[in-house]
Amino acid sequence: MSSKVPIAKNEFAWISLAPQLTVCGILVYIFWLLTHDLPISMMISGIAFYCLSLAMRAVLIADHKKGFKLITAGNFEAAIPYIEASLKHLTRNTWIDKYRYVALTSSRRTFREMDLCNIAFCYSQLGNLEMCKQYYQQAMDEYPNSTIASTALRFITTTGA
């Protein structure tokens, strides 16, 4: 079911397949050394990669996911603390965005860019345009090619919305 709320979410980056396939290949090799059965080692490595990916998402980006779910449910005020916590976590742990292609996501956008745009959107929905502009501007400062932030800032500037 698609969301009717226009939030910043993943755009697939094909380059992400290279590190993910590399990790899967390493897992296949390890399990092949243990089993000497290629089909079984491929199946086990696929399951292992999937479980690794789920576990990493549950641990490393839990607040991001909670905030995202609250936004899609239209609960913008409740989403803000989770997104702010995610931003702090990603600021302290920049390696999460840097190595997100390994097992977390295939997104071109970093989690930090998505969080900045999503929190700005939350503030716009709550009528706090100053905070909205502040977060979109921060997204533009950190990610000059952010189409979401630039489009939103242009819209706010031209319409005064």
N, C-alpha and C. Protein backbone atom coordinates (compact mmCIF):
# COMPACT_ATOMS: atom_id res chain seq x y z
N MET A 1 0.85 -1.17 0.00
CA MET A 1 0.00 0.00 0.00
C MET A 1 0.90 1.23 0.00
N SER A 2 0.66 2.15 -0.93
CA SER A 2 1.51 3.33 -1.00
C SER A 2 1.01 4.42 -0.07
N SER A 3 1.95 5.23 0.36
CA SER A 3 1.63 6.31 1.28
C SER A 3 1.10 7.51 0.51
N LYS A 4 0.16 8.23 1.10
CA LYS A 4 -0.34 9.45 0.48
C LYS A 4 0.44 10.66 0.99
N VAL A 5 1.38 10.41 1.89
CA VAL A 5 2.20 11.47 2.47
C VAL A 5 3.50 11.54 1.66
N PRO A 6 3.83 12.71 1.08
CA PRO A 6 5.04 12.83 0.25
C PRO A 6 6.30 12.94 1.12
N ILE A 7 6.87 11.80 1.48
CA ILE A 7 8.05 11.79 2.34
C ILE A 7 9.28 11.41 1.54
N ALA A 8 10.45 11.77 2.08
CA ALA A 8 11.70 11.39 1.45
C ALA A 8 11.97 9.93 1.73
N LYS A 9 12.10 9.16 0.67
CA LYS A 9 12.38 7.75 0.85
C LYS A 9 13.45 7.32 -0.15
N ASN A 10 13.69 6.05 -0.22
CA ASN A 10 14.79 5.52 -1.01
C ASN A 10 14.57 5.66 -2.50
N GLU A 11 15.66 5.96 -3.21
CA GLU A 11 15.75 5.86 -4.66
C GLU A 11 16.84 4.85 -4.92
N PHE A 12 16.56 3.83 -5.72
CA PHE A 12 17.50 2.74 -5.91
C PHE A 12 18.77 3.22 -6.58
N ALA A 13 19.90 2.80 -6.05
CA ALA A 13 21.22 3.09 -6.62
C ALA A 13 21.82 1.77 -7.09
N TRP A 14 21.97 1.63 -8.38
CA TRP A 14 22.46 0.37 -8.94
C TRP A 14 23.86 0.03 -8.47
N ILE A 15 24.66 1.05 -8.16
CA ILE A 15 26.02 0.81 -7.70
C ILE A 15 26.04 0.01 -6.39
N SER A 16 24.95 0.06 -5.65
CA SER A 16 24.88 -0.65 -4.37
C SER A 16 24.92 -2.16 -4.54
N LEU A 17 24.60 -2.63 -5.74
CA LEU A 17 24.61 -4.08 -5.95
C LEU A 17 26.01 -4.66 -5.84
N ALA A 18 27.03 -3.91 -6.22
CA ALA A 18 28.41 -4.43 -6.19
C ALA A 18 28.82 -4.85 -4.77
N PRO A 19 28.74 -3.97 -3.75
CA PRO A 19 29.14 -4.43 -2.42
C PRO A 19 28.21 -5.49 -1.85
N GLN A 20 26.92 -5.43 -2.17
CA GLN A 20 26.00 -6.43 -1.66
C GLN A 20 26.28 -7.81 -2.26
N LEU A 21 26.56 -7.84 -3.56
CA LEU A 21 26.90 -9.11 -4.20
C LEU A 21 28.25 -9.63 -3.72
N THR A 22 29.17 -8.72 -3.41
CA THR A 22 30.46 -9.12 -2.87
C THR A 22 30.28 -9.80 -1.51
N VAL A 23 29.48 -9.19 -0.64
CA VAL A 23 29.21 -9.79 0.67
C VAL A 23 28.54 -11.15 0.49
N CYS A 24 27.58 -11.23 -0.40
CA CYS A 24 26.90 -12.52 -0.66
C CYS A 24 27.89 -13.55 -1.19
N GLY A 25 28.78 -13.13 -2.09
CA GLY A 25 29.79 -14.04 -2.62
C GLY A 25 30.71 -14.57 -1.54
N ILE A 26 31.12 -13.70 -0.63
CA ILE A 26 31.97 -14.12 0.49
C ILE A 26 31.22 -15.11 1.37
N LEU A 27 29.95 -14.85 1.64
CA LEU A 27 29.15 -15.78 2.44
C LEU A 27 28.99 -17.13 1.75
N VAL A 28 28.77 -17.11 0.43
CA VAL A 28 28.65 -18.37 -0.31
C VAL A 28 29.94 -19.17 -0.18
N TYR A 29 31.07 -18.49 -0.34
CA TYR A 29 32.36 -19.17 -0.24
C TYR A 29 32.56 -19.77 1.15
N ILE A 30 32.27 -19.00 2.18
CA ILE A 30 32.43 -19.50 3.55
C ILE A 30 31.55 -20.73 3.79
N PHE A 31 30.28 -20.63 3.37
CA PHE A 31 29.38 -21.77 3.59
C PHE A 31 29.72 -22.95 2.68
N TRP A 32 30.30 -22.68 1.50
CA TRP A 32 30.75 -23.77 0.64
C TRP A 32 31.91 -24.52 1.29
N LEU A 33 32.83 -23.76 1.93
CA LEU A 33 33.94 -24.39 2.65
C LEU A 33 33.43 -25.30 3.76
N LEU A 34 32.32 -24.89 4.37
CA LEU A 34 31.76 -25.68 5.47
C LEU A 34 30.94 -26.89 4.99
N THR A 35 30.23 -26.74 3.86
CA THR A 35 29.31 -27.79 3.42
C THR A 35 29.78 -28.56 2.18
N HIS A 36 30.60 -27.95 1.35
CA HIS A 36 31.03 -28.52 0.06
C HIS A 36 29.82 -28.86 -0.82
N ASP A 37 28.75 -28.09 -0.66
CA ASP A 37 27.54 -28.26 -1.46
C ASP A 37 27.10 -26.87 -1.91
N LEU A 38 27.32 -26.55 -3.18
CA LEU A 38 27.07 -25.20 -3.68
C LEU A 38 25.62 -24.75 -3.54
N PRO A 39 24.62 -25.54 -3.96
CA PRO A 39 23.23 -25.08 -3.80
C PRO A 39 22.86 -24.79 -2.34
N ILE A 40 23.29 -25.64 -1.44
CA ILE A 40 22.97 -25.43 -0.03
C ILE A 40 23.71 -24.20 0.50
N SER A 41 24.97 -24.04 0.11
CA SER A 41 25.73 -22.88 0.59
C SER A 41 25.14 -21.58 0.04
N MET A 42 24.62 -21.61 -1.18
CA MET A 42 23.96 -20.42 -1.75
C MET A 42 22.69 -20.09 -0.98
N MET A 43 21.91 -21.12 -0.66
CA MET A 43 20.67 -20.91 0.08
C MET A 43 20.97 -20.38 1.48
N ILE A 44 21.91 -20.98 2.17
CA ILE A 44 22.26 -20.55 3.52
C ILE A 44 22.81 -19.13 3.51
N SER A 45 23.65 -18.81 2.52
CA SER A 45 24.22 -17.46 2.47
C SER A 45 23.15 -16.42 2.17
N GLY A 46 22.17 -16.76 1.34
CA GLY A 46 21.06 -15.83 1.07
C GLY A 46 20.26 -15.54 2.32
N ILE A 47 19.98 -16.58 3.06
CA ILE A 47 19.25 -16.42 4.33
C ILE A 47 20.08 -15.63 5.33
N ALA A 48 21.38 -15.93 5.39
CA ALA A 48 22.27 -15.24 6.32
C ALA A 48 22.37 -13.75 5.97
N PHE A 49 22.48 -13.43 4.68
CA PHE A 49 22.56 -12.02 4.27
C PHE A 49 21.27 -11.29 4.62
N TYR A 50 20.14 -11.93 4.36
CA TYR A 50 18.85 -11.32 4.68
C TYR A 50 18.72 -11.06 6.18
N CYS A 51 19.10 -12.03 7.00
CA CYS A 51 19.04 -11.87 8.46
C CYS A 51 20.00 -10.79 8.93
N LEU A 52 21.20 -10.76 8.36
CA LEU A 52 22.18 -9.72 8.69
C LEU A 52 21.64 -8.33 8.36
N SER A 53 21.02 -8.22 7.21
CA SER A 53 20.45 -6.94 6.79
C SER A 53 19.33 -6.49 7.73
N LEU A 54 18.43 -7.40 8.07
CA LEU A 54 17.35 -7.06 8.99
C LEU A 54 17.87 -6.67 10.36
N ALA A 55 18.85 -7.41 10.85
CA ALA A 55 19.41 -7.11 12.17
C ALA A 55 20.11 -5.75 12.17
N MET A 56 20.85 -5.45 11.12
CA MET A 56 21.54 -4.16 11.04
C MET A 56 20.53 -3.01 10.99
N ARG A 57 19.46 -3.18 10.23
CA ARG A 57 18.42 -2.14 10.17
C ARG A 57 17.75 -1.95 11.52
N ALA A 58 17.49 -3.06 12.20
CA ALA A 58 16.81 -2.99 13.51
C ALA A 58 17.68 -2.29 14.54
N VAL A 59 18.99 -2.46 14.46
CA VAL A 59 19.89 -1.89 15.45
C VAL A 59 20.39 -0.51 15.04
N LEU A 60 20.84 -0.36 13.81
CA LEU A 60 21.53 0.86 13.40
C LEU A 60 20.61 2.02 13.01
N ILE A 61 19.43 1.72 12.50
CA ILE A 61 18.55 2.81 12.05
C ILE A 61 17.14 2.66 12.64
N ALA A 62 17.06 2.21 13.86
CA ALA A 62 15.75 1.98 14.50
C ALA A 62 14.92 3.26 14.60
N ASP A 63 15.53 4.36 15.04
CA ASP A 63 14.78 5.62 15.17
C ASP A 63 14.34 6.15 13.81
N HIS A 64 15.18 5.99 12.80
CA HIS A 64 14.82 6.41 11.45
C HIS A 64 13.56 5.67 11.00
N LYS A 65 13.54 4.36 11.22
CA LYS A 65 12.39 3.55 10.82
C LYS A 65 11.13 3.92 11.59
N LYS A 66 11.26 4.15 12.91
CA LYS A 66 10.09 4.53 13.72
C LYS A 66 9.53 5.86 13.26
N GLY A 67 10.42 6.84 13.03
CA GLY A 67 9.98 8.15 12.54
C GLY A 67 9.29 8.04 11.20
N PHE A 68 9.84 7.25 10.30
CA PHE A 68 9.28 7.05 8.97
C PHE A 68 7.86 6.47 9.06
N LYS A 69 7.67 5.48 9.93
CA LYS A 69 6.34 4.87 10.10
C LYS A 69 5.33 5.87 10.65
N LEU A 70 5.77 6.70 11.59
CA LEU A 70 4.86 7.70 12.16
C LEU A 70 4.48 8.76 11.12
N ILE A 71 5.43 9.13 10.28
CA ILE A 71 5.12 10.11 9.22
C ILE A 71 4.11 9.53 8.25
N THR A 72 4.33 8.30 7.82
CA THR A 72 3.39 7.70 6.86
C THR A 72 2.00 7.54 7.47
N ALA A 73 1.94 7.43 8.81
CA ALA A 73 0.64 7.35 9.49
C ALA A 73 0.03 8.74 9.71
N GLY A 74 0.79 9.79 9.36
CA GLY A 74 0.28 11.15 9.52
C GLY A 74 0.46 11.70 10.92
N ASN A 75 1.26 11.06 11.75
CA ASN A 75 1.50 11.50 13.12
C ASN A 75 2.82 12.27 13.16
N PHE A 76 2.79 13.50 12.63
CA PHE A 76 4.00 14.29 12.42
C PHE A 76 4.66 14.73 13.72
N GLU A 77 3.87 15.14 14.67
CA GLU A 77 4.42 15.61 15.95
C GLU A 77 5.15 14.49 16.68
N ALA A 78 4.59 13.29 16.66
CA ALA A 78 5.23 12.16 17.33
C ALA A 78 6.48 11.69 16.59
N ALA A 79 6.55 11.95 15.28
CA ALA A 79 7.69 11.50 14.48
C ALA A 79 8.94 12.34 14.74
N ILE A 80 8.77 13.61 15.07
CA ILE A 80 9.91 14.52 15.20
C ILE A 80 10.97 14.04 16.19
N PRO A 81 10.61 13.62 17.41
CA PRO A 81 11.66 13.16 18.34
C PRO A 81 12.46 11.95 17.81
N TYR A 82 11.81 11.05 17.10
CA TYR A 82 12.51 9.90 16.54
C TYR A 82 13.47 10.32 15.43
N ILE A 83 13.02 11.25 14.59
CA ILE A 83 13.87 11.70 13.50
C ILE A 83 15.06 12.50 14.05
N GLU A 84 14.79 13.34 15.06
CA GLU A 84 15.89 14.07 15.70
C GLU A 84 16.90 13.11 16.33
N ALA A 85 16.41 12.06 16.98
CA ALA A 85 17.31 11.06 17.58
C ALA A 85 18.11 10.36 16.49
N SER A 86 17.47 10.07 15.37
CA SER A 86 18.16 9.44 14.26
C SER A 86 19.25 10.36 13.70
N LEU A 87 18.94 11.65 13.57
CA LEU A 87 19.94 12.62 13.09
C LEU A 87 21.15 12.67 14.02
N LYS A 88 20.91 12.68 15.32
CA LYS A 88 22.02 12.70 16.29
C LYS A 88 22.86 11.42 16.16
N HIS A 89 22.17 10.30 16.05
CA HIS A 89 22.86 9.01 15.92
C HIS A 89 23.70 8.97 14.65
N LEU A 90 23.14 9.45 13.54
CA LEU A 90 23.87 9.44 12.27
C LEU A 90 25.02 10.45 12.26
N THR A 91 24.89 11.53 13.04
CA THR A 91 25.97 12.51 13.15
C THR A 91 27.15 11.90 13.91
N ARG A 92 26.85 11.15 14.96
CA ARG A 92 27.91 10.49 15.75
C ARG A 92 28.51 9.30 15.01
N ASN A 93 27.74 8.67 14.16
CA ASN A 93 28.17 7.44 13.47
C ASN A 93 28.07 7.62 11.96
N THR A 94 28.93 8.46 11.41
CA THR A 94 28.87 8.77 9.98
C THR A 94 29.12 7.53 9.10
N TRP A 95 29.77 6.54 9.65
CA TRP A 95 30.06 5.32 8.89
C TRP A 95 28.78 4.60 8.46
N ILE A 96 27.68 4.80 9.18
CA ILE A 96 26.42 4.12 8.81
C ILE A 96 25.98 4.56 7.41
N ASP A 97 25.99 5.87 7.16
CA ASP A 97 25.63 6.36 5.83
C ASP A 97 26.71 6.02 4.80
N LYS A 98 27.96 6.10 5.23
CA LYS A 98 29.07 5.84 4.30
C LYS A 98 29.04 4.42 3.76
N TYR A 99 28.71 3.46 4.63
CA TYR A 99 28.72 2.05 4.23
C TYR A 99 27.32 1.45 4.15
N ARG A 100 26.30 2.28 3.91
CA ARG A 100 24.92 1.80 3.88
C ARG A 100 24.68 0.80 2.75
N TYR A 101 25.49 0.85 1.71
CA TYR A 101 25.30 -0.06 0.58
C TYR A 101 25.63 -1.51 0.93
N VAL A 102 26.42 -1.74 1.96
CA VAL A 102 26.86 -3.10 2.26
C VAL A 102 25.69 -4.00 2.61
N ALA A 103 24.82 -3.56 3.51
CA ALA A 103 23.70 -4.43 3.88
C ALA A 103 22.45 -3.68 4.27
N LEU A 104 22.52 -2.37 4.40
CA LEU A 104 21.36 -1.64 4.92
C LEU A 104 20.36 -1.25 3.84
N THR A 105 20.83 -0.64 2.77
CA THR A 105 19.91 -0.10 1.78
C THR A 105 20.58 0.04 0.42
N SER A 106 19.78 0.18 -0.58
CA SER A 106 20.26 0.44 -1.92
C SER A 106 19.87 1.85 -2.35
N SER A 107 19.73 2.73 -1.39
CA SER A 107 19.26 4.08 -1.65
C SER A 107 20.38 5.01 -2.07
N ARG A 108 20.07 5.88 -3.02
CA ARG A 108 21.02 6.94 -3.40
C ARG A 108 21.09 8.00 -2.31
N ARG A 109 19.98 8.21 -1.64
CA ARG A 109 19.95 9.21 -0.57
C ARG A 109 20.51 8.62 0.72
N THR A 110 21.24 9.43 1.46
CA THR A 110 21.71 8.98 2.76
C THR A 110 20.55 9.03 3.74
N PHE A 111 20.69 8.29 4.83
CA PHE A 111 19.65 8.34 5.86
C PHE A 111 19.56 9.74 6.43
N ARG A 112 20.70 10.40 6.56
CA ARG A 112 20.73 11.75 7.11
C ARG A 112 19.96 12.73 6.22
N GLU A 113 20.15 12.65 4.91
CA GLU A 113 19.41 13.52 3.99
C GLU A 113 17.90 13.24 4.09
N MET A 114 17.54 11.96 4.14
CA MET A 114 16.12 11.62 4.27
C MET A 114 15.55 12.17 5.58
N ASP A 115 16.34 12.05 6.67
CA ASP A 115 15.86 12.56 7.96
C ASP A 115 15.69 14.07 7.95
N LEU A 116 16.65 14.79 7.39
CA LEU A 116 16.54 16.25 7.34
C LEU A 116 15.30 16.68 6.56
N CYS A 117 15.07 16.04 5.43
CA CYS A 117 13.89 16.38 4.62
C CYS A 117 12.59 15.95 5.29
N ASN A 118 12.61 14.81 5.94
CA ASN A 118 11.39 14.34 6.61
C ASN A 118 11.04 15.20 7.82
N ILE A 119 12.03 15.63 8.58
CA ILE A 119 11.72 16.48 9.73
C ILE A 119 11.24 17.85 9.25
N ALA A 120 11.80 18.35 8.17
CA ALA A 120 11.33 19.60 7.59
C ALA A 120 9.87 19.46 7.16
N PHE A 121 9.56 18.34 6.53
CA PHE A 121 8.18 18.09 6.11
C PHE A 121 7.24 18.04 7.31
N CYS A 122 7.67 17.39 8.39
CA CYS A 122 6.84 17.32 9.61
C CYS A 122 6.53 18.73 10.11
N TYR A 123 7.56 19.57 10.18
CA TYR A 123 7.34 20.94 10.65
C TYR A 123 6.42 21.71 9.71
N SER A 124 6.51 21.45 8.41
CA SER A 124 5.60 22.13 7.47
C SER A 124 4.17 21.71 7.72
N GLN A 125 3.96 20.43 8.01
CA GLN A 125 2.61 19.93 8.27
C GLN A 125 2.06 20.44 9.59
N LEU A 126 2.95 20.79 10.52
CA LEU A 126 2.52 21.34 11.80
C LEU A 126 2.41 22.86 11.77
N GLY A 127 2.72 23.47 10.61
CA GLY A 127 2.59 24.92 10.44
C GLY A 127 3.78 25.72 10.95
N ASN A 128 4.88 25.08 11.27
CA ASN A 128 6.08 25.77 11.75
C ASN A 128 7.03 25.95 10.57
N LEU A 129 6.78 27.01 9.78
CA LEU A 129 7.56 27.22 8.56
C LEU A 129 9.00 27.62 8.83
N GLU A 130 9.27 28.27 9.94
CA GLU A 130 10.66 28.64 10.25
C GLU A 130 11.51 27.40 10.45
N MET A 131 11.03 26.46 11.25
CA MET A 131 11.78 25.21 11.46
C MET A 131 11.83 24.40 10.16
N CYS A 132 10.75 24.42 9.41
CA CYS A 132 10.71 23.74 8.13
C CYS A 132 11.82 24.27 7.21
N LYS A 133 11.88 25.59 7.05
CA LYS A 133 12.92 26.20 6.21
C LYS A 133 14.31 25.89 6.74
N GLN A 134 14.47 25.92 8.05
CA GLN A 134 15.77 25.67 8.66
C GLN A 134 16.29 24.27 8.30
N TYR A 135 15.42 23.27 8.41
CA TYR A 135 15.85 21.90 8.11
C TYR A 135 16.06 21.67 6.61
N TYR A 136 15.20 22.27 5.78
CA TYR A 136 15.43 22.13 4.33
C TYR A 136 16.72 22.84 3.93
N GLN A 137 16.99 24.00 4.55
CA GLN A 137 18.23 24.70 4.25
C GLN A 137 19.44 23.89 4.72
N GLN A 138 19.34 23.26 5.88
CA GLN A 138 20.42 22.41 6.36
C GLN A 138 20.65 21.24 5.39
N ALA A 139 19.56 20.69 4.88
CA ALA A 139 19.68 19.61 3.89
C ALA A 139 20.39 20.12 2.64
N MET A 140 20.05 21.34 2.19
CA MET A 140 20.69 21.92 1.02
C MET A 140 22.18 22.20 1.28
N ASP A 141 22.49 22.67 2.49
CA ASP A 141 23.89 22.96 2.83
C ASP A 141 24.73 21.68 2.82
N GLU A 142 24.17 20.60 3.35
CA GLU A 142 24.91 19.34 3.45
C GLU A 142 24.84 18.52 2.16
N TYR A 143 23.73 18.65 1.43
CA TYR A 143 23.51 17.87 0.21
C TYR A 143 23.03 18.82 -0.89
N PRO A 144 23.95 19.55 -1.53
CA PRO A 144 23.58 20.57 -2.52
C PRO A 144 22.74 20.04 -3.68
N ASN A 145 22.81 18.75 -3.96
CA ASN A 145 22.04 18.17 -5.06
C ASN A 145 20.72 17.57 -4.61
N SER A 146 20.29 17.89 -3.40
CA SER A 146 19.03 17.35 -2.88
C SER A 146 17.85 17.98 -3.61
N THR A 147 17.23 17.21 -4.47
CA THR A 147 16.10 17.73 -5.23
C THR A 147 14.89 17.97 -4.33
N ILE A 148 14.74 17.15 -3.31
CA ILE A 148 13.60 17.33 -2.40
C ILE A 148 13.73 18.66 -1.67
N ALA A 149 14.89 18.90 -1.08
CA ALA A 149 15.09 20.14 -0.32
C ALA A 149 15.02 21.37 -1.22
N SER A 150 15.64 21.32 -2.38
CA SER A 150 15.63 22.50 -3.26
C SER A 150 14.22 22.79 -3.78
N THR A 151 13.47 21.76 -4.12
CA THR A 151 12.10 21.95 -4.60
C THR A 151 11.22 22.51 -3.48
N ALA A 152 11.35 21.96 -2.29
CA ALA A 152 10.55 22.44 -1.16
C ALA A 152 10.88 23.88 -0.81
N LEU A 153 12.17 24.22 -0.76
CA LEU A 153 12.55 25.60 -0.45
C LEU A 153 12.05 26.57 -1.51
N ARG A 154 12.16 26.16 -2.77
CA ARG A 154 11.66 27.02 -3.86
C ARG A 154 10.15 27.22 -3.73
N PHE A 155 9.42 26.15 -3.41
CA PHE A 155 7.98 26.24 -3.23
C PHE A 155 7.61 27.16 -2.08
N ILE A 156 8.29 26.99 -0.95
CA ILE A 156 8.01 27.82 0.23
C ILE A 156 8.33 29.28 -0.06
N THR A 157 9.42 29.53 -0.76
CA THR A 157 9.85 30.90 -1.07
C THR A 157 8.89 31.58 -2.03
N THR A 158 8.46 30.86 -3.05
CA THR A 158 7.60 31.49 -4.06
C THR A 158 6.14 31.62 -3.60
N THR A 159 5.67 30.68 -2.81
CA THR A 159 4.27 30.74 -2.41
C THR A 159 4.08 31.35 -1.02
N GLY A 160 5.15 31.39 -0.25
CA GLY A 160 5.04 31.89 1.11
C GLY A 160 4.24 30.94 2.00
N ALA A 161 4.13 29.67 1.51
CA ALA A 161 3.32 28.68 2.25
C ALA A 161 3.95 28.32 3.50
